[in-house]
Amino acid sequence: MPVRHFGVVLSVPQWEALAEKLKQAGTKFIIEPHIRFKGEVGEQATMFFLDPSGNAVEIKAFTNMDSLFAK
């Protein structure tokens, strides 16, 4: 994401639950919840949205936490 942002890394079940809750609440996503790098090192579930103050927020999850900072 080529914009200044902050975020958190959740477990996959937490990420899935939050993605569903945000969708149900009508959240406008900058990047819809989806899986990036499927089948590759660094595979991750990710989503971006703006908080009420306009800050970009990234929420992601890794099936393999060892790949969190992998290149």
Protein backbone atom coordinates (compact mmCIF):
# COMPACT_ATOMS: atom_id res chain seq x y z
CA MET A 1 0.00 0.00 0.00
CA PRO A 2 1.79 3.16 -1.11
CA VAL A 3 0.28 5.30 1.62
CA ARG A 4 1.23 5.87 5.23
CA HIS A 5 -0.75 3.45 7.39
CA PHE A 6 -0.75 1.40 10.55
CA GLY A 7 -2.16 -2.01 11.29
CA VAL A 8 -2.27 -5.22 13.21
CA VAL A 9 -1.65 -8.89 12.52
CA LEU A 10 -4.37 -11.24 13.73
CA SER A 11 -4.79 -14.99 13.67
CA VAL A 12 -6.59 -16.25 10.56
CA PRO A 13 -9.85 -17.00 12.46
CA GLN A 14 -9.78 -13.53 14.07
CA TRP A 15 -9.12 -11.90 10.68
CA GLU A 16 -11.98 -13.83 9.04
CA ALA A 17 -14.40 -12.88 11.83
CA LEU A 18 -13.38 -9.21 11.69
CA ALA A 19 -13.61 -9.10 7.88
CA GLU A 20 -17.16 -10.45 8.05
CA LYS A 21 -18.13 -8.05 10.83
CA LEU A 22 -16.75 -5.06 8.90
CA LYS A 23 -18.54 -6.16 5.71
CA GLN A 24 -21.82 -6.53 7.61
CA ALA A 25 -21.32 -3.04 9.09
CA GLY A 26 -20.98 -1.58 5.58
CA THR A 27 -17.32 -0.62 5.88
CA LYS A 28 -15.95 1.06 2.77
CA PHE A 29 -12.70 -0.75 2.02
CA ILE A 30 -9.73 0.78 0.22
CA ILE A 31 -8.69 -2.81 -0.51
CA GLU A 32 -11.35 -5.48 0.00
CA PRO A 33 -10.49 -8.45 2.24
CA HIS A 34 -8.57 -10.98 0.17
CA ILE A 35 -5.57 -13.34 0.09
CA ARG A 36 -2.30 -11.97 -1.32
CA PHE A 37 0.60 -14.07 -2.59
CA LYS A 38 -1.47 -17.28 -2.51
CA GLY A 39 0.82 -20.31 -2.44
CA GLU A 40 3.95 -18.17 -2.04
CA VAL A 41 6.22 -17.23 0.85
CA GLY A 42 4.47 -14.40 2.65
CA GLU A 43 0.92 -15.52 1.78
CA GLN A 44 -1.40 -13.31 3.77
CA ALA A 45 -4.98 -12.29 4.28
CA THR A 46 -5.24 -8.51 4.11
CA MET A 47 -7.70 -5.62 4.05
CA PHE A 48 -7.39 -1.82 4.15
CA PHE A 49 -9.90 0.79 5.24
CA LEU A 50 -9.96 4.27 6.75
CA ASP A 51 -10.70 4.83 10.42
CA PRO A 52 -13.14 7.60 11.43
CA SER A 53 -10.26 10.12 11.45
CA GLY A 54 -9.19 9.22 7.92
CA ASN A 55 -6.13 7.15 8.87
CA ALA A 56 -5.41 4.14 6.64
CA VAL A 57 -5.59 0.87 8.59
CA GLU A 58 -4.30 -2.50 7.44
CA ILE A 59 -5.46 -5.71 9.07
CA LYS A 60 -3.66 -8.88 8.04
CA ALA A 61 -3.17 -12.51 9.03
CA PHE A 62 -0.65 -15.19 8.10
CA THR A 63 -1.25 -18.92 8.06
CA ASN A 64 2.47 -19.25 8.77
CA MET A 65 3.62 -16.55 11.19
CA ASP A 66 7.24 -17.34 10.28
CA SER A 67 6.60 -15.58 6.97
CA LEU A 68 5.59 -12.31 8.64
CA PHE A 69 8.80 -10.56 7.58
CA ALA A 70 9.87 -12.96 4.82
CA LYS A 71 10.94 -11.57 1.44
